[in-house]
Protein backbone atom coordinates (compact mmCIF):
# COMPACT_ATOMS: atom_id res chain seq x y z
CA LEU A 1 54.40 68.81 -71.06
CA PRO A 2 55.03 71.69 -72.41
CA PRO A 3 58.65 72.67 -73.10
CA GLY A 4 60.60 74.10 -70.40
CA SER A 5 58.22 72.95 -67.96
CA CYS A 6 60.63 70.47 -66.59
CA ARG A 7 63.32 72.57 -66.36
CA ALA A 8 60.69 74.97 -64.48
CA PHE A 9 59.79 72.14 -61.79
CA TRP A 10 63.20 71.30 -60.73
CA GLY A 11 63.66 75.13 -60.88
CA TRP A 12 60.84 74.78 -57.80
CA LEU A 13 61.80 72.20 -56.41
CA ASN A 14 65.26 73.13 -55.82
CA ALA A 15 63.90 76.10 -54.37
CA VAL A 16 62.02 73.88 -51.91
CA PHE A 17 64.99 72.15 -51.07
CA ASN A 18 66.83 75.62 -50.05
CA LYS A 19 64.19 77.07 -48.16
CA VAL A 20 65.73 77.50 -44.11
CA ASP A 21 63.70 75.91 -41.73
CA HIS A 22 64.47 78.36 -38.76
CA GLU A 23 62.64 76.01 -36.31
CA ARG A 24 64.59 72.74 -37.28
CA ILE A 25 68.15 74.73 -36.93
CA ARG A 26 66.98 75.53 -33.26
CA ALA A 27 65.81 71.78 -32.72
CA VAL A 28 68.74 70.04 -33.87
CA GLY A 29 71.25 72.55 -33.68
CA PRO A 30 73.20 74.39 -36.97
CA ASP A 31 75.24 71.51 -38.07
CA ARG A 32 72.82 68.90 -38.11
CA ALA A 33 70.54 71.52 -39.95
CA ALA A 34 72.92 72.35 -42.28
CA SER A 35 74.11 68.78 -42.96
CA GLU A 36 70.36 67.94 -43.88
CA TRP A 37 70.18 71.08 -45.94
CA LEU A 38 73.80 70.22 -47.81
CA LEU A 39 72.71 66.66 -48.57
CA ARG A 40 68.81 67.13 -49.93
CA CYS A 41 70.84 69.57 -52.48
CA GLY A 42 73.28 66.91 -53.52
CA ALA A 43 76.31 68.24 -51.39
CA VAL A 44 78.00 66.21 -48.92
CA VAL A 45 80.03 67.08 -45.72
CA ARG A 46 82.29 65.93 -43.61
CA TYR A 47 82.63 66.44 -39.97
CA GLN A 48 85.78 66.97 -37.89
CA GLY A 49 87.71 64.45 -36.66
CA SER A 50 86.42 62.10 -39.74
CA PRO A 51 87.88 61.26 -42.43
CA LYS A 52 84.91 60.19 -44.83
CA TRP A 53 82.67 62.08 -46.46
CA GLN A 54 78.65 62.23 -45.53
CA ARG A 55 76.74 61.49 -49.00
CA ASP A 56 74.09 59.60 -47.25
CA TYR A 57 70.79 61.69 -46.09
CA ASN A 58 69.53 58.97 -44.37
CA ALA A 59 72.72 57.62 -42.62
CA LEU A 60 73.29 61.41 -41.19
CA PRO A 61 74.93 60.63 -37.53
CA ALA A 62 72.30 61.13 -34.96
CA GLY A 63 73.87 61.62 -31.24
CA PRO A 64 74.11 64.38 -29.02
CA LEU A 65 73.17 68.16 -30.19
CA GLY A 66 76.05 69.42 -31.61
CA ARG A 67 78.49 66.40 -31.31
CA TYR A 68 78.58 66.53 -35.27
CA LYS A 69 80.74 69.99 -36.71
CA ILE A 70 80.82 70.34 -40.00
CA GLU A 71 84.38 70.97 -41.12
CA ALA A 72 84.15 70.33 -44.96
CA ILE A 73 81.75 71.01 -47.54
CA ASN A 74 81.91 69.99 -51.10
CA ALA A 75 79.39 71.18 -53.07
CA THR A 76 80.03 69.75 -56.63
CA ASP A 77 76.68 69.34 -58.97
CA SER A 78 74.57 70.64 -56.05
CA CYS A 79 71.75 73.22 -56.26
CA ILE A 80 72.41 74.79 -53.33
CA MET A 81 71.25 78.56 -53.78
CA TYR A 82 71.65 82.19 -52.04
CA ARG A 83 68.00 81.45 -50.14
CA GLY A 84 69.53 78.35 -48.35
CA PHE A 85 72.82 80.14 -47.16
CA ASP A 86 71.22 81.17 -43.82
CA TYR A 87 72.02 77.23 -42.68
CA LEU A 88 75.86 78.64 -43.08
CA ASP A 89 75.28 81.16 -40.17
CA GLY A 90 75.62 78.81 -37.37
CA LEU A 91 78.67 76.80 -38.59
CA GLU A 92 81.86 77.45 -36.45
CA HIS A 93 84.08 74.64 -37.95
CA VAL A 94 84.24 75.10 -41.61
CA THR A 95 87.78 75.30 -43.29
CA ASP A 96 87.27 74.47 -46.41
CA ILE A 97 84.65 74.83 -49.15
CA ARG A 98 84.47 73.77 -52.62
CA LEU A 99 82.22 74.89 -54.95
CA GLU A 100 82.18 73.17 -58.27
CA LYS A 101 79.11 73.13 -61.29
CA CYS A 102 76.83 74.68 -59.07
CA MET A 103 74.23 76.69 -61.57
CA TYR A 104 72.92 78.67 -58.76
CA ILE A 105 75.80 80.12 -57.11
CA GLN A 106 76.07 83.78 -58.29
CA ASP A 107 77.90 86.80 -57.14
CA GLN A 108 74.90 87.75 -54.29
CA CYS A 109 76.17 83.65 -52.84
CA LEU A 110 79.65 84.77 -52.55
CA GLN A 111 79.14 88.33 -51.05
CA ARG A 112 76.68 86.27 -48.56
CA LEU A 113 79.41 83.38 -47.92
CA SER A 114 81.80 86.43 -46.84
CA GLU A 115 79.58 88.15 -44.59
CA THR A 116 78.78 85.44 -42.58
CA SER A 117 81.07 85.89 -39.47
CA ASN A 118 81.85 82.49 -38.86
CA LEU A 119 82.94 81.37 -41.95
CA GLN A 120 85.29 84.71 -41.81
CA LYS A 121 86.64 83.06 -38.56
CA SER A 122 87.12 79.76 -40.04
CA LEU A 123 87.46 79.11 -43.59
CA GLN A 124 90.98 78.62 -44.79
CA GLN A 125 90.09 76.62 -48.25
CA LEU A 126 87.64 77.59 -51.04
CA LYS A 127 87.69 76.52 -54.53
CA ILE A 128 85.46 77.94 -56.84
CA ILE A 129 85.30 75.90 -60.18
CA SER A 130 83.08 76.08 -63.48
CA CYS A 131 80.18 78.19 -61.81
CA GLY A 132 79.42 80.24 -64.82
CA ASN A 133 77.08 82.76 -63.14
CA VAL A 134 80.02 84.22 -60.98
CA THR A 135 81.53 87.06 -61.80
CA ASP A 136 84.40 89.56 -60.78
CA ARG A 137 82.21 91.09 -58.29
CA GLY A 138 81.53 88.01 -56.51
CA ILE A 139 85.31 87.04 -56.65
CA LEU A 140 85.85 90.42 -54.82
CA ALA A 141 83.40 90.32 -52.05
CA LEU A 142 85.73 87.55 -50.87
CA HIS A 143 88.00 89.80 -49.06
CA LYS A 144 86.18 89.47 -46.07
CA LEU A 145 87.17 86.16 -45.33
CA ALA A 146 89.96 87.36 -43.12
CA SER A 147 91.12 83.77 -42.24
CA LEU A 148 91.48 82.56 -46.04
CA GLU A 149 94.68 80.82 -46.80
CA TYR A 150 93.76 78.93 -50.37
CA LEU A 151 91.74 80.42 -53.15
CA TYR A 152 91.50 77.89 -56.43
CA LEU A 153 89.65 79.67 -59.09
CA SER A 154 88.80 77.61 -62.25
CA ASP A 155 87.15 77.74 -65.46
CA LEU A 156 84.96 80.75 -64.48
CA PRO A 157 84.16 82.60 -67.62
CA GLY A 158 82.33 85.51 -65.83
CA ILE A 159 85.43 86.86 -64.29
CA ARG A 160 86.39 89.46 -66.88
CA GLU A 161 88.93 91.87 -64.97
CA LYS A 162 91.61 89.11 -63.88
CA GLU A 163 94.68 91.46 -63.18
CA THR A 164 92.60 93.84 -61.15
CA THR A 165 90.30 91.36 -59.46
CA PHE A 166 93.63 89.55 -58.02
CA ARG A 167 95.42 92.40 -57.49
CA VAL A 168 92.46 93.89 -55.12
CA LEU A 169 91.75 90.74 -53.51
CA GLN A 170 95.66 90.22 -52.67
CA GLN A 171 95.90 93.50 -51.39
CA ALA A 172 93.22 92.88 -48.76
CA LEU A 173 94.11 89.51 -48.39
CA PRO A 174 98.09 89.34 -48.17
CA LYS A 175 98.34 85.74 -46.86
CA LEU A 176 96.13 84.48 -49.50
CA GLU A 177 97.56 81.80 -51.70
CA LEU A 178 95.77 82.36 -55.02
CA GLU A 179 96.08 79.35 -57.63
CA LEU A 180 94.15 79.97 -61.22
CA ASP A 181 93.16 78.05 -63.90
CA LEU A 182 91.47 80.59 -66.11
CA GLU A 183 91.43 81.32 -69.85
């Protein structure tokens, strides 16, 4: 194999995993379709009323349409990327998202997240950790998440204008508790 071809293959495969299947969303409902997307990409989800994380794609709960509502998403080390974010549109109960070591998460993704009207209503906690492509622009975009109560930011070398960025965010979201662990 020529050098770099393995990396290109994984990039292509990850793009395939993130392709949105609108038919599937209609057929199985937004929460089930989003669960499939997230688990395919290596993330885990927790459903409303359940203490345990769903990790196994093949053990996704069946049952009546819309019975399992995603409440939390932990995307640590996952390959979720912008093109898959349409899956988030139909989720109405997500209160908690963790994006850690997500190499495809960049400003555009955070912008898309904050423009998702259901997340504007439901999302209360967001943690963004070790996502090297996130800059001040992406963090500033979060100002539309009106229900956000807690934001944890750690190891984000792309953030350059810390004071300004956080002041603007805090003005937009006065109830926000901001916890920072940045160089």
